Amino acid sequence: MNEAFPRPGQLVSLGPYRGEHGVALRAGISIGIPLLLLWRVGHLDLALYAAFGSFAAIFGRTVPLGPRLRMQAVVGGTLVLSVLLDTTIGLSGLRAFLVIPVAAAWAPMVAILAHRERWHPPGALFQVFALGACSSIPATRSDLGLAAALSVGAALLALLVTLIAGIGSRLLGRRSRPDPAPPVVPVLPEWRLRHYLARYSLGIVIAGGLATALGVVGHPYWAMVAVVVPMAAPDTPGRLTRAAHRLLGTLLGVLAAWIVLSIGLPAPALIGFAVVMQIGAELFVGRNYGVALLFVTPLALSMVQLAHPLPVAGLVRDRALETLLGVVVAVVISLLTHERRQDADG
C-alpha cells in the first residue's frame, strides 16, 4: 500500500497566497464582536456558545456571495444543533460518557451532508468540536435557552458580516466574487456508508473511549476532534498528511499557548489574542494545515480559558496527549479503510 502514504514534500510545502485576508477578517470580526459583548455584560462563561455559531463565517470562501450565504446558513444550523445537543448532554452527570455515542451518531450525518453539499472547509470538525466542548461543562435547563440564543445570534452575525462584505465589494465597484482561491472545491470520491461509519463513528468511539478510560475525562472531545480532522481529506495520502499536520502543528501550538496563557492576560487582551489567532488560522489553513494549527491550537485553548479557566499546564498537556491519541486512531483507521480505486479516482 505504498500509494497510501503522502510524499514528504506534502508535509512542509506552503501553498500560494490567494487573497485569504477577506475570509480571515470576516472570521475575526465574527468571533470578536460576540466575545467583546459577553465581556462587557460579565458573561464570558457563555463564550463557547457564541464562538461556535460564529464559525459559520469561514465557510464558502470559494463560492460567490449568494451560494456562500446559503452554505453558511446551513452550516450555522448544524452548529446551533451541535451546541443544543451538547448543552442537553451537559445536564447529565454522565456527560463525559454520553457525548461519545452522541458524537459518533452525529458526526457521520454531518459529514455526509458536507460531502453531498460540497462544504468548504469539508467534514464535521466544527460540529464535533462544538458538541464536545460545551457538553464538558455542567449545564442547567435555563442554559438551553441561552445556548440557543447566543449560537443563533452569532451565526446570524456571521452571515451579516459576509453580506456586508459582499455589498461593500459592489459599492467599491467590484463584482461580488469569491475570495481568490482554487476556483473549484475538490470533489470528494463517493464513499460507501460503511466508510463514514468507520472513519467517523468508529473513530470517535475508539478515541473518545480511550481518552475517557485513560482518565482524561474533562476533555475527551479533543481526541475525538483529532480523529475526525483527517477524514475530511479525499484520499488516504491526504488523510495521513492531515494527521501528521494535526499532530506536529498541535505540539508546536501548545507551546505557544502555554507561553501566552501563563502570562495571565486580562480578558480584553485574551479576546484580542483569540481574534488574532482566528485571523492567522484562516490566512494559512488553505496553504498548509500544519502551519494553521500554530494558530488554531492557541485559539481553542484561549476560548476554553475565557469561558472556564483551568490550570494552564494541565490544559496544554491534555491537549497534546489527546491529540496524539486521536491521530494514532485516525492513521490506523485510514490505513484499514484504504481503497486503491478510490484514491486513484480521487
C-alpha atoms as a PDB file:
ATOM      1  CA  MET A   1       0.000   0.000   0.000  1.00  0.00           C
ATOM      2  CA  ASN A   2       2.838   2.399  -0.775  1.00  0.00           C
ATOM      3  CA  GLU A   3       0.461   4.657  -2.693  1.00  0.00           C
ATOM      4  CA  ALA A   4      -1.402   5.221   0.562  1.00  0.00           C
ATOM      5  CA  PHE A   5       1.400   7.297   2.040  1.00  0.00           C
ATOM      6  CA  PRO A   6       1.913  11.001   1.330  1.00  0.00           C
ATOM      7  CA  ARG A   7       5.019  12.366  -0.339  1.00  0.00           C
ATOM      8  CA  PRO A   8       7.410  14.036   2.154  1.00  0.00           C
ATOM      9  CA  GLY A   9       7.078  17.379   0.396  1.00  0.00           C
ATOM     10  CA  GLN A  10       3.356  17.487   1.183  1.00  0.00           C
ATOM     11  CA  LEU A  11       4.095  17.936   4.889  1.00  0.00           C
ATOM     12  CA  VAL A  12       6.168  21.102   4.578  1.00  0.00           C
ATOM     13  CA  SER A  13       5.003  22.739   1.354  1.00  0.00           C
ATOM     14  CA  LEU A  14       3.271  26.118   1.683  1.00  0.00           C
ATOM     15  CA  GLY A  15       0.631  26.894  -0.899  1.00  0.00           C
ATOM     16  CA  PRO A  16       0.500  30.279  -2.632  1.00  0.00           C
ATOM     17  CA  TYR A  17      -1.253  33.248  -1.081  1.00  0.00           C
ATOM     18  CA  ARG A  18      -4.674  33.624  -2.735  1.00  0.00           C
ATOM     19  CA  GLY A  19      -6.206  36.610  -1.010  1.00  0.00           C
ATOM     20  CA  GLU A  20      -7.214  34.793   2.160  1.00  0.00           C
ATOM     21  CA  HIS A  21      -7.321  38.104   4.036  1.00  0.00           C
ATOM     22  CA  GLY A  22     -11.019  38.544   3.174  1.00  0.00           C
ATOM     23  CA  VAL A  23     -12.315  35.458   4.935  1.00  0.00           C
ATOM     24  CA  ALA A  24      -9.727  35.941   7.702  1.00  0.00           C
ATOM     25  CA  LEU A  25     -11.033  39.414   8.521  1.00  0.00           C
ATOM     26  CA  ARG A  26     -14.659  38.258   8.380  1.00  0.00           C
ATOM     27  CA  ALA A  27     -13.866  35.398  10.732  1.00  0.00           C
ATOM     28  CA  GLY A  28     -12.029  37.685  13.148  1.00  0.00           C
ATOM     29  CA  ILE A  29     -14.889  40.192  13.244  1.00  0.00           C
ATOM     30  CA  SER A  30     -17.498  37.456  13.611  1.00  0.00           C
ATOM     31  CA  ILE A  31     -15.840  35.934  16.662  1.00  0.00           C
ATOM     32  CA  GLY A  32     -14.581  39.183  18.195  1.00  0.00           C
ATOM     33  CA  ILE A  33     -17.887  41.057  18.449  1.00  0.00           C
ATOM     34  CA  PRO A  34     -19.783  38.385  20.457  1.00  0.00           C
ATOM     35  CA  LEU A  35     -16.835  37.872  22.812  1.00  0.00           C
ATOM     36  CA  LEU A  36     -16.497  41.583  23.496  1.00  0.00           C
ATOM     37  CA  LEU A  37     -20.224  41.897  24.126  1.00  0.00           C
ATOM     38  CA  LEU A  38     -20.181  38.985  26.572  1.00  0.00           C
ATOM     39  CA  TRP A  39     -17.199  40.509  28.352  1.00  0.00           C
ATOM     40  CA  ARG A  40     -18.984  43.836  28.687  1.00  0.00           C
ATOM     41  CA  VAL A  41     -22.029  42.205  30.300  1.00  0.00           C
ATOM     42  CA  GLY A  42     -19.881  39.989  32.530  1.00  0.00           C
ATOM     43  CA  HIS A  43     -20.788  36.629  30.990  1.00  0.00           C
ATOM     44  CA  LEU A  44     -17.677  35.273  29.341  1.00  0.00           C
ATOM     45  CA  ASP A  45     -18.678  31.917  30.837  1.00  0.00           C
ATOM     46  CA  LEU A  46     -21.081  31.722  27.874  1.00  0.00           C
ATOM     47  CA  ALA A  47     -18.357  32.398  25.314  1.00  0.00           C
ATOM     48  CA  LEU A  48     -18.274  28.904  23.832  1.00  0.00           C
ATOM     49  CA  TYR A  49     -21.933  29.052  22.786  1.00  0.00           C
ATOM     50  CA  ALA A  50     -21.341  32.215  20.775  1.00  0.00           C
ATOM     51  CA  ALA A  51     -17.958  31.166  19.408  1.00  0.00           C
ATOM     52  CA  PHE A  52     -19.263  28.082  17.684  1.00  0.00           C
ATOM     53  CA  GLY A  53     -22.085  29.966  15.978  1.00  0.00           C
ATOM     54  CA  SER A  54     -19.530  32.463  14.661  1.00  0.00           C
ATOM     55  CA  PHE A  55     -17.560  29.732  12.892  1.00  0.00           C
ATOM     56  CA  ALA A  56     -20.163  29.792  10.120  1.00  0.00           C
ATOM     57  CA  ALA A  57     -18.245  32.803   8.781  1.00  0.00           C
ATOM     58  CA  ILE A  58     -15.343  30.731   7.493  1.00  0.00           C
ATOM     59  CA  PHE A  59     -17.401  28.569   5.145  1.00  0.00           C
ATOM     60  CA  GLY A  60     -17.847  29.059   1.428  1.00  0.00           C
ATOM     61  CA  ARG A  61     -14.762  31.108   0.663  1.00  0.00           C
ATOM     62  CA  THR A  62     -14.501  29.584  -2.831  1.00  0.00           C
ATOM     63  CA  VAL A  63     -18.054  30.331  -3.984  1.00  0.00           C
ATOM     64  CA  PRO A  64     -19.890  33.557  -4.930  1.00  0.00           C
ATOM     65  CA  LEU A  65     -21.809  35.577  -2.366  1.00  0.00           C
ATOM     66  CA  GLY A  66     -25.271  34.039  -2.812  1.00  0.00           C
ATOM     67  CA  PRO A  67     -24.206  30.379  -2.544  1.00  0.00           C
ATOM     68  CA  ARG A  68     -21.782  31.367   0.207  1.00  0.00           C
ATOM     69  CA  LEU A  69     -24.595  32.781   2.325  1.00  0.00           C
ATOM     70  CA  ARG A  70     -26.735  29.696   1.726  1.00  0.00           C
ATOM     71  CA  MET A  71     -23.855  27.417   2.717  1.00  0.00           C
ATOM     72  CA  GLN A  72     -23.178  29.448   5.853  1.00  0.00           C
ATOM     73  CA  ALA A  73     -26.861  29.329   6.795  1.00  0.00           C
ATOM     74  CA  VAL A  74     -26.946  25.521   6.555  1.00  0.00           C
ATOM     75  CA  VAL A  75     -23.627  25.131   8.355  1.00  0.00           C
ATOM     76  CA  GLY A  76     -24.789  27.593  11.002  1.00  0.00           C
ATOM     77  CA  GLY A  77     -27.874  25.453  11.550  1.00  0.00           C
ATOM     78  CA  THR A  78     -25.746  22.356  12.169  1.00  0.00           C
ATOM     79  CA  LEU A  79     -23.518  24.322  14.550  1.00  0.00           C
ATOM     80  CA  VAL A  80     -26.542  25.540  16.519  1.00  0.00           C
ATOM     81  CA  LEU A  81     -27.888  21.981  16.701  1.00  0.00           C
ATOM     82  CA  SER A  82     -24.488  20.803  17.922  1.00  0.00           C
ATOM     83  CA  VAL A  83     -24.496  23.434  20.665  1.00  0.00           C
ATOM     84  CA  LEU A  84     -28.015  22.451  21.733  1.00  0.00           C
ATOM     85  CA  LEU A  85     -27.145  18.749  21.737  1.00  0.00           C
ATOM     86  CA  ASP A  86     -24.048  19.304  23.839  1.00  0.00           C
ATOM     87  CA  THR A  87     -25.844  21.620  26.265  1.00  0.00           C
ATOM     88  CA  THR A  88     -28.504  18.950  26.726  1.00  0.00           C
ATOM     89  CA  ILE A  89     -25.792  16.375  27.396  1.00  0.00           C
ATOM     90  CA  GLY A  90     -24.286  18.810  29.903  1.00  0.00           C
ATOM     91  CA  LEU A  91     -27.425  18.450  32.041  1.00  0.00           C
ATOM     92  CA  SER A  92     -26.345  14.930  32.942  1.00  0.00           C
ATOM     93  CA  GLY A  93     -23.718  13.907  35.439  1.00  0.00           C
ATOM     94  CA  LEU A  94     -22.662  11.283  32.886  1.00  0.00           C
ATOM     95  CA  ARG A  95     -21.931  13.904  30.224  1.00  0.00           C
ATOM     96  CA  ALA A  96     -18.320  12.741  29.716  1.00  0.00           C
ATOM     97  CA  PHE A  97     -19.610   9.321  28.661  1.00  0.00           C
ATOM     98  CA  LEU A  98     -22.814  10.334  26.855  1.00  0.00           C
ATOM     99  CA  VAL A  99     -21.010  12.676  24.470  1.00  0.00           C
ATOM    100  CA  ILE A 100     -19.157   9.775  22.834  1.00  0.00           C
ATOM    101  CA  PRO A 101     -22.139   7.844  21.371  1.00  0.00           C
ATOM    102  CA  VAL A 102     -23.967  11.083  20.533  1.00  0.00           C
ATOM    103  CA  ALA A 103     -20.932  12.417  18.657  1.00  0.00           C
ATOM    104  CA  ALA A 104     -20.473   9.045  16.950  1.00  0.00           C
ATOM    105  CA  ALA A 105     -24.041   9.265  15.604  1.00  0.00           C
ATOM    106  CA  TRP A 106     -23.954  12.995  14.770  1.00  0.00           C
ATOM    107  CA  ALA A 107     -20.577  13.190  13.009  1.00  0.00           C
ATOM    108  CA  PRO A 108     -21.311  10.867  10.045  1.00  0.00           C
ATOM    109  CA  MET A 109     -24.632  12.599   9.398  1.00  0.00           C
ATOM    110  CA  VAL A 110     -22.901  15.978   9.232  1.00  0.00           C
ATOM    111  CA  ALA A 111     -20.056  14.516   7.158  1.00  0.00           C
ATOM    112  CA  ILE A 112     -22.470  13.058   4.614  1.00  0.00           C
ATOM    113  CA  LEU A 113     -24.266  16.418   4.339  1.00  0.00           C
ATOM    114  CA  ALA A 114     -20.927  18.231   3.972  1.00  0.00           C
ATOM    115  CA  HIS A 115     -19.841  15.737   1.317  1.00  0.00           C
ATOM    116  CA  ARG A 116     -23.034  15.984  -0.723  1.00  0.00           C
ATOM    117  CA  GLU A 117     -23.281  19.792  -0.446  1.00  0.00           C
ATOM    118  CA  ARG A 118     -19.545  20.266  -1.042  1.00  0.00           C
ATOM    119  CA  TRP A 119     -18.914  22.395   2.003  1.00  0.00           C
ATOM    120  CA  HIS A 120     -15.650  24.260   2.147  1.00  0.00           C
ATOM    121  CA  PRO A 121     -13.994  23.549   4.504  1.00  0.00           C
ATOM    122  CA  PRO A 122     -15.306  19.966   4.331  1.00  0.00           C
ATOM    123  CA  GLY A 123     -16.030  17.478   7.086  1.00  0.00           C
ATOM    124  CA  ALA A 124     -17.582  17.574  10.548  1.00  0.00           C
ATOM    125  CA  LEU A 125     -14.740  19.104  12.563  1.00  0.00           C
ATOM    126  CA  PHE A 126     -16.542  22.144  13.954  1.00  0.00           C
ATOM    127  CA  GLN A 127     -19.724  20.246  14.775  1.00  0.00           C
ATOM    128  CA  VAL A 128     -17.813  17.585  16.745  1.00  0.00           C
ATOM    129  CA  PHE A 129     -15.738  20.288  18.434  1.00  0.00           C
ATOM    130  CA  ALA A 130     -18.896  22.173  19.415  1.00  0.00           C
ATOM    131  CA  LEU A 131     -20.605  19.005  20.599  1.00  0.00           C
ATOM    132  CA  GLY A 132     -17.697  18.022  22.810  1.00  0.00           C
ATOM    133  CA  ALA A 133     -16.586  21.385  24.159  1.00  0.00           C
ATOM    134  CA  CYS A 134     -19.907  22.578  25.511  1.00  0.00           C
ATOM    135  CA  SER A 135     -21.005  19.170  26.797  1.00  0.00           C
ATOM    136  CA  SER A 136     -17.900  19.114  29.005  1.00  0.00           C
ATOM    137  CA  ILE A 137     -19.388  21.994  31.004  1.00  0.00           C
ATOM    138  CA  PRO A 138     -22.131  21.366  33.597  1.00  0.00           C
ATOM    139  CA  ALA A 139     -25.400  22.941  32.425  1.00  0.00           C
ATOM    140  CA  THR A 140     -28.862  23.738  33.745  1.00  0.00           C
ATOM    141  CA  ARG A 141     -32.160  23.829  31.884  1.00  0.00           C
ATOM    142  CA  SER A 142     -32.017  27.607  31.706  1.00  0.00           C
ATOM    143  CA  ASP A 143     -28.729  27.287  29.810  1.00  0.00           C
ATOM    144  CA  LEU A 144     -30.554  25.704  26.872  1.00  0.00           C
ATOM    145  CA  GLY A 145     -32.278  28.956  26.001  1.00  0.00           C
ATOM    146  CA  LEU A 146     -29.064  30.939  26.419  1.00  0.00           C
ATOM    147  CA  ALA A 147     -27.128  28.468  24.279  1.00  0.00           C
ATOM    148  CA  ALA A 148     -29.734  28.674  21.528  1.00  0.00           C
ATOM    149  CA  ALA A 149     -29.935  32.460  21.585  1.00  0.00           C
ATOM    150  CA  LEU A 150     -26.181  33.012  21.605  1.00  0.00           C
ATOM    151  CA  SER A 151     -25.301  30.439  18.963  1.00  0.00           C
ATOM    152  CA  VAL A 152     -28.114  31.573  16.655  1.00  0.00           C
ATOM    153  CA  GLY A 153     -27.211  35.225  17.197  1.00  0.00           C
ATOM    154  CA  ALA A 154     -23.530  34.594  16.463  1.00  0.00           C
ATOM    155  CA  ALA A 155     -24.349  32.594  13.317  1.00  0.00           C
ATOM    156  CA  LEU A 156     -26.640  35.380  12.077  1.00  0.00           C
ATOM    157  CA  LEU A 157     -23.912  37.909  12.786  1.00  0.00           C
ATOM    158  CA  ALA A 158     -21.504  35.825  10.702  1.00  0.00           C
ATOM    159  CA  LEU A 159     -23.949  35.901   7.789  1.00  0.00           C
ATOM    160  CA  LEU A 160     -24.426  39.652   8.239  1.00  0.00           C
ATOM    161  CA  VAL A 161     -20.675  40.250   8.156  1.00  0.00           C
ATOM    162  CA  THR A 162     -20.430  38.173   4.968  1.00  0.00           C
ATOM    163  CA  LEU A 163     -23.317  40.092   3.404  1.00  0.00           C
ATOM    164  CA  ILE A 164     -21.868  43.500   4.315  1.00  0.00           C
ATOM    165  CA  ALA A 165     -18.501  42.477   2.896  1.00  0.00           C
ATOM    166  CA  GLY A 166     -20.174  41.424  -0.349  1.00  0.00           C
ATOM    167  CA  ILE A 167     -22.172  44.641  -0.602  1.00  0.00           C
ATOM    168  CA  GLY A 168     -19.031  46.607   0.173  1.00  0.00           C
ATOM    169  CA  SER A 169     -17.272  44.940  -2.736  1.00  0.00           C
ATOM    170  CA  ARG A 170     -20.047  46.048  -5.068  1.00  0.00           C
ATOM    171  CA  LEU A 171     -20.049  49.605  -3.732  1.00  0.00           C
ATOM    172  CA  LEU A 172     -16.333  49.751  -4.383  1.00  0.00           C
ATOM    173  CA  GLY A 173     -17.023  48.882  -7.990  1.00  0.00           C
ATOM    174  CA  ARG A 174     -16.012  45.232  -7.898  1.00  0.00           C
ATOM    175  CA  ARG A 175     -18.203  42.349  -8.923  1.00  0.00           C
ATOM    176  CA  SER A 176     -19.188  40.160  -5.982  1.00  0.00           C
ATOM    177  CA  ARG A 177     -16.929  37.168  -6.358  1.00  0.00           C
ATOM    178  CA  PRO A 178     -15.323  34.518  -4.190  1.00  0.00           C
ATOM    179  CA  ASP A 179     -12.090  35.284  -2.417  1.00  0.00           C
ATOM    180  CA  PRO A 180      -9.131  34.431  -4.660  1.00  0.00           C
ATOM    181  CA  ALA A 181      -8.647  30.728  -4.089  1.00  0.00           C
ATOM    182  CA  PRO A 182      -8.763  27.480  -6.025  1.00  0.00           C
ATOM    183  CA  PRO A 183     -11.723  28.097  -8.374  1.00  0.00           C
ATOM    184  CA  VAL A 184     -13.428  24.798  -7.679  1.00  0.00           C
ATOM    185  CA  VAL A 185     -13.855  22.928  -4.417  1.00  0.00           C
ATOM    186  CA  PRO A 186     -12.306  19.467  -4.876  1.00  0.00           C
ATOM    187  CA  VAL A 187     -14.966  16.834  -5.441  1.00  0.00           C
ATOM    188  CA  LEU A 188     -14.618  14.027  -2.953  1.00  0.00           C
ATOM    189  CA  PRO A 189     -14.955  10.493  -4.312  1.00  0.00           C
ATOM    190  CA  GLU A 190     -18.180   8.813  -3.323  1.00  0.00           C
ATOM    191  CA  TRP A 191     -17.845   6.936  -0.076  1.00  0.00           C
ATOM    192  CA  ARG A 192     -19.912   3.994   0.986  1.00  0.00           C
ATOM    193  CA  LEU A 193     -21.860   4.258   4.235  1.00  0.00           C
ATOM    194  CA  ARG A 194     -19.527   1.837   5.966  1.00  0.00           C
ATOM    195  CA  HIS A 195     -16.620   4.198   5.329  1.00  0.00           C
ATOM    196  CA  TYR A 196     -18.426   7.082   7.022  1.00  0.00           C
ATOM    197  CA  LEU A 197     -19.240   4.808   9.945  1.00  0.00           C
ATOM    198  CA  ALA A 198     -15.677   3.509  10.232  1.00  0.00           C
ATOM    199  CA  ARG A 199     -13.910   6.815   9.707  1.00  0.00           C
ATOM    200  CA  TYR A 200     -16.222   8.909  11.863  1.00  0.00           C
ATOM    201  CA  SER A 201     -18.363   6.794  14.198  1.00  0.00           C
ATOM    202  CA  LEU A 202     -15.862   4.057  14.991  1.00  0.00           C
ATOM    203  CA  GLY A 203     -13.003   6.540  15.190  1.00  0.00           C
ATOM    204  CA  ILE A 204     -14.889   8.727  17.660  1.00  0.00           C
ATOM    205  CA  VAL A 205     -15.905   5.769  19.817  1.00  0.00           C
ATOM    206  CA  ILE A 206     -12.348   4.418  19.999  1.00  0.00           C
ATOM    207  CA  ALA A 207     -10.598   7.760  20.511  1.00  0.00           C
ATOM    208  CA  GLY A 208     -13.176   9.138  22.937  1.00  0.00           C
ATOM    209  CA  GLY A 209     -13.450   5.858  24.798  1.00  0.00           C
ATOM    210  CA  LEU A 210      -9.689   5.523  25.219  1.00  0.00           C
ATOM    211  CA  ALA A 211      -9.327   9.138  26.363  1.00  0.00           C
ATOM    212  CA  THR A 212     -12.040   8.639  28.959  1.00  0.00           C
ATOM    213  CA  ALA A 213     -10.712   5.276  30.089  1.00  0.00           C
ATOM    214  CA  LEU A 214      -7.223   6.702  30.489  1.00  0.00           C
ATOM    215  CA  GLY A 215      -8.576   9.316  32.849  1.00  0.00           C
ATOM    216  CA  VAL A 216      -8.613  12.447  30.689  1.00  0.00           C
ATOM    217  CA  VAL A 217     -12.298  12.768  31.491  1.00  0.00           C
ATOM    218  CA  GLY A 218     -12.566  16.536  31.174  1.00  0.00           C
ATOM    219  CA  HIS A 219     -11.660  16.808  27.508  1.00  0.00           C
ATOM    220  CA  PRO A 220     -12.145  13.519  25.634  1.00  0.00           C
ATOM    221  CA  TYR A 221     -13.544  15.586  22.770  1.00  0.00           C
ATOM    222  CA  TRP A 222     -10.017  16.713  21.835  1.00  0.00           C
ATOM    223  CA  ALA A 223      -9.210  13.111  20.937  1.00  0.00           C
ATOM    224  CA  MET A 224     -12.481  12.862  19.017  1.00  0.00           C
ATOM    225  CA  VAL A 225     -11.742  16.059  17.099  1.00  0.00           C
ATOM    226  CA  ALA A 226      -8.244  14.814  16.272  1.00  0.00           C
ATOM    227  CA  VAL A 227      -9.615  11.597  14.788  1.00  0.00           C
ATOM    228  CA  VAL A 228     -12.250  13.453  12.742  1.00  0.00           C
ATOM    229  CA  VAL A 229      -9.946  16.087  11.206  1.00  0.00           C
ATOM    230  CA  PRO A 230      -8.008  13.826   8.801  1.00  0.00           C
ATOM    231  CA  MET A 231     -11.200  12.231   7.498  1.00  0.00           C
ATOM    232  CA  ALA A 232     -12.159  15.353   5.549  1.00  0.00           C
ATOM    233  CA  ALA A 233      -9.388  14.646   3.021  1.00  0.00           C
ATOM    234  CA  PRO A 234     -10.483  12.919  -0.214  1.00  0.00           C
ATOM    235  CA  ASP A 235      -7.912  10.092  -0.187  1.00  0.00           C
ATOM    236  CA  THR A 236      -5.603   8.140   2.076  1.00  0.00           C
ATOM    237  CA  PRO A 237      -2.426  10.178   1.415  1.00  0.00           C
ATOM    238  CA  GLY A 238      -4.417  13.318   2.150  1.00  0.00           C
ATOM    239  CA  ARG A 239      -5.765  11.846   5.378  1.00  0.00           C
ATOM    240  CA  LEU A 240      -2.298  10.809   6.541  1.00  0.00           C
ATOM    241  CA  THR A 241      -0.906  14.234   5.649  1.00  0.00           C
ATOM    242  CA  ARG A 242      -3.622  15.978   7.657  1.00  0.00           C
ATOM    243  CA  ALA A 243      -2.999  13.584  10.569  1.00  0.00           C
ATOM    244  CA  ALA A 244       0.700  14.482  10.548  1.00  0.00           C
ATOM    245  CA  HIS A 245      -0.130  18.182  10.294  1.00  0.00           C
ATOM    246  CA  ARG A 246      -2.578  17.850  13.179  1.00  0.00           C
ATOM    247  CA  LEU A 247      -0.016  16.255  15.445  1.00  0.00           C
ATOM    248  CA  LEU A 248       3.021  18.398  14.626  1.00  0.00           C
ATOM    249  CA  GLY A 249       1.059  21.654  14.448  1.00  0.00           C
ATOM    250  CA  THR A 250      -0.691  20.948  17.741  1.00  0.00           C
ATOM    251  CA  LEU A 251       2.538  20.100  19.558  1.00  0.00           C
ATOM    252  CA  LEU A 252       4.087  23.400  18.482  1.00  0.00           C
ATOM    253  CA  GLY A 253       0.811  25.234  19.068  1.00  0.00           C
ATOM    254  CA  VAL A 254       0.511  24.085  22.679  1.00  0.00           C
ATOM    255  CA  LEU A 255       3.959  25.517  23.383  1.00  0.00           C
ATOM    256  CA  ALA A 256       2.841  28.894  22.082  1.00  0.00           C
ATOM    257  CA  ALA A 257      -0.418  28.633  24.020  1.00  0.00           C
ATOM    258  CA  TRP A 258       1.415  27.681  27.231  1.00  0.00           C
ATOM    259  CA  ILE A 259       3.641  30.758  26.965  1.00  0.00           C
ATOM    260  CA  VAL A 260       0.778  33.178  26.297  1.00  0.00           C
ATOM    261  CA  LEU A 261      -1.760  31.719  28.719  1.00  0.00           C
ATOM    262  CA  SER A 262       0.790  31.510  31.523  1.00  0.00           C
ATOM    263  CA  ILE A 263       1.132  35.289  31.436  1.00  0.00           C
ATOM    264  CA  GLY A 264      -2.394  35.632  32.801  1.00  0.00           C
ATOM    265  CA  LEU A 265      -3.684  38.177  30.298  1.00  0.00           C
ATOM    266  CA  PRO A 266      -6.781  40.201  31.276  1.00  0.00           C
ATOM    267  CA  ALA A 267      -9.976  39.221  29.480  1.00  0.00           C
ATOM    268  CA  PRO A 268      -9.917  42.001  26.816  1.00  0.00           C
ATOM    269  CA  ALA A 269      -6.335  41.138  25.888  1.00  0.00           C
ATOM    270  CA  LEU A 270      -7.166  37.421  25.732  1.00  0.00           C
ATOM    271  CA  ILE A 271     -10.126  38.193  23.471  1.00  0.00           C
ATOM    272  CA  GLY A 272      -7.808  40.203  21.227  1.00  0.00           C
ATOM    273  CA  PHE A 273      -5.390  37.292  21.184  1.00  0.00           C
ATOM    274  CA  ALA A 274      -8.187  34.891  20.191  1.00  0.00           C
ATOM    275  CA  VAL A 275      -9.237  37.196  17.338  1.00  0.00           C
ATOM    276  CA  VAL A 276      -5.651  37.416  16.050  1.00  0.00           C
ATOM    277  CA  MET A 277      -5.343  33.625  16.228  1.00  0.00           C
ATOM    278  CA  GLN A 278      -8.604  33.218  14.290  1.00  0.00           C
ATOM    279  CA  ILE A 279      -7.339  35.553  11.586  1.00  0.00           C
ATOM    280  CA  GLY A 280      -3.983  33.769  11.437  1.00  0.00           C
ATOM    281  CA  ALA A 281      -5.659  30.382  11.166  1.00  0.00           C
ATOM    282  CA  GLU A 282      -7.708  31.468   8.168  1.00  0.00           C
ATOM    283  CA  LEU A 283      -4.684  33.015   6.471  1.00  0.00           C
ATOM    284  CA  PHE A 284      -2.860  29.677   6.466  1.00  0.00           C
ATOM    285  CA  VAL A 285      -5.419  26.880   6.657  1.00  0.00           C
ATOM    286  CA  GLY A 286      -5.719  26.626   2.868  1.00  0.00           C
ATOM    287  CA  ARG A 287      -1.955  26.822   2.370  1.00  0.00           C
ATOM    288  CA  ASN A 288      -0.624  24.399   4.973  1.00  0.00           C
ATOM    289  CA  TYR A 289      -2.832  22.881   7.654  1.00  0.00           C
ATOM    290  CA  GLY A 290       0.111  22.261   9.979  1.00  0.00           C
ATOM    291  CA  VAL A 291       1.043  25.950   9.981  1.00  0.00           C
ATOM    292  CA  ALA A 292      -2.600  26.862  10.586  1.00  0.00           C
ATOM    293  CA  LEU A 293      -2.539  24.675  13.722  1.00  0.00           C
ATOM    294  CA  LEU A 294       0.037  27.053  15.206  1.00  0.00           C
ATOM    295  CA  PHE A 295      -2.877  29.499  15.386  1.00  0.00           C
ATOM    296  CA  VAL A 296      -5.799  27.090  15.810  1.00  0.00           C
ATOM    297  CA  THR A 297      -4.394  25.452  18.953  1.00  0.00           C
ATOM    298  CA  PRO A 298      -3.843  28.682  20.923  1.00  0.00           C
ATOM    299  CA  LEU A 299      -7.258  29.859  19.702  1.00  0.00           C
ATOM    300  CA  ALA A 300      -9.011  26.754  21.017  1.00  0.00           C
ATOM    301  CA  LEU A 301      -7.214  26.858  24.355  1.00  0.00           C
ATOM    302  CA  SER A 302      -7.806  30.587  24.809  1.00  0.00           C
ATOM    303  CA  MET A 303     -11.537  30.016  24.227  1.00  0.00           C
ATOM    304  CA  VAL A 304     -11.534  27.403  27.000  1.00  0.00           C
ATOM    305  CA  GLN A 305      -9.727  29.792  29.313  1.00  0.00           C
ATOM    306  CA  LEU A 306     -12.134  32.637  28.575  1.00  0.00           C
ATOM    307  CA  ALA A 307     -15.170  30.515  29.408  1.00  0.00           C
ATOM    308  CA  HIS A 308     -13.867  28.297  32.206  1.00  0.00           C
ATOM    309  CA  PRO A 309     -10.260  28.981  33.311  1.00  0.00           C
ATOM    310  CA  LEU A 310      -8.185  25.905  34.131  1.00  0.00           C
ATOM    311  CA  PRO A 311      -4.581  25.306  35.233  1.00  0.00           C
ATOM    312  CA  VAL A 312      -2.558  26.056  32.113  1.00  0.00           C
ATOM    313  CA  ALA A 313      -0.010  23.249  32.447  1.00  0.00           C
ATOM    314  CA  GLY A 314      -2.700  20.568  32.694  1.00  0.00           C
ATOM    315  CA  LEU A 315      -4.678  22.139  29.859  1.00  0.00           C
ATOM    316  CA  VAL A 316      -1.834  22.080  27.347  1.00  0.00           C
ATOM    317  CA  ARG A 317      -0.695  18.632  28.465  1.00  0.00           C
ATOM    318  CA  ASP A 318      -4.159  17.159  27.932  1.00  0.00           C
ATOM    319  CA  ARG A 319      -4.438  18.833  24.539  1.00  0.00           C
ATOM    320  CA  ALA A 320      -1.147  17.319  23.377  1.00  0.00           C
ATOM    321  CA  LEU A 321      -1.815  13.818  24.726  1.00  0.00           C
ATOM    322  CA  GLU A 322      -5.368  13.603  23.430  1.00  0.00           C
ATOM    323  CA  THR A 323      -4.329  14.881  20.011  1.00  0.00           C
ATOM    324  CA  LEU A 324      -1.658  12.179  19.832  1.00  0.00           C
ATOM    325  CA  LEU A 325      -4.237   9.564  20.781  1.00  0.00           C
ATOM    326  CA  GLY A 326      -6.760  10.753  18.204  1.00  0.00           C
ATOM    327  CA  VAL A 327      -4.167  10.978  15.431  1.00  0.00           C
ATOM    328  CA  VAL A 328      -2.958   7.420  16.074  1.00  0.00           C
ATOM    329  CA  VAL A 329      -6.540   6.148  15.829  1.00  0.00           C
ATOM    330  CA  ALA A 330      -7.111   8.181  12.653  1.00  0.00           C
ATOM    331  CA  VAL A 331      -3.993   6.774  10.982  1.00  0.00           C
ATOM    332  CA  VAL A 332      -4.910   3.182  11.811  1.00  0.00           C
ATOM    333  CA  ILE A 333      -8.475   3.571  10.532  1.00  0.00           C
ATOM    334  CA  SER A 334      -7.308   5.394   7.389  1.00  0.00           C
ATOM    335  CA  LEU A 335      -4.946   2.559   6.512  1.00  0.00           C
ATOM    336  CA  LEU A 336      -7.542  -0.120   7.264  1.00  0.00           C
ATOM    337  CA  THR A 337     -10.169   1.577   5.065  1.00  0.00           C
ATOM    338  CA  HIS A 338      -7.757   2.490   2.255  1.00  0.00           C
ATOM    339  CA  GLU A 339      -9.122   1.780  -1.222  1.00  0.00           C
ATOM    340  CA  ARG A 340      -6.734   1.842  -4.156  1.00  0.00           C
ATOM    341  CA  ARG A 341      -9.521   2.541  -6.655  1.00  0.00           C
ATOM    342  CA  GLN A 342     -10.898   5.385  -4.569  1.00  0.00           C
ATOM    343  CA  ASP A 343      -7.506   7.026  -4.203  1.00  0.00           C
ATOM    344  CA  ALA A 344      -6.778   6.680  -7.887  1.00  0.00           C
ATOM    345  CA  ASP A 345     -10.087   8.238  -8.850  1.00  0.00           C
ATOM    346  CA  GLY A 346      -9.888  10.950  -6.154  1.00  0.00           C
END
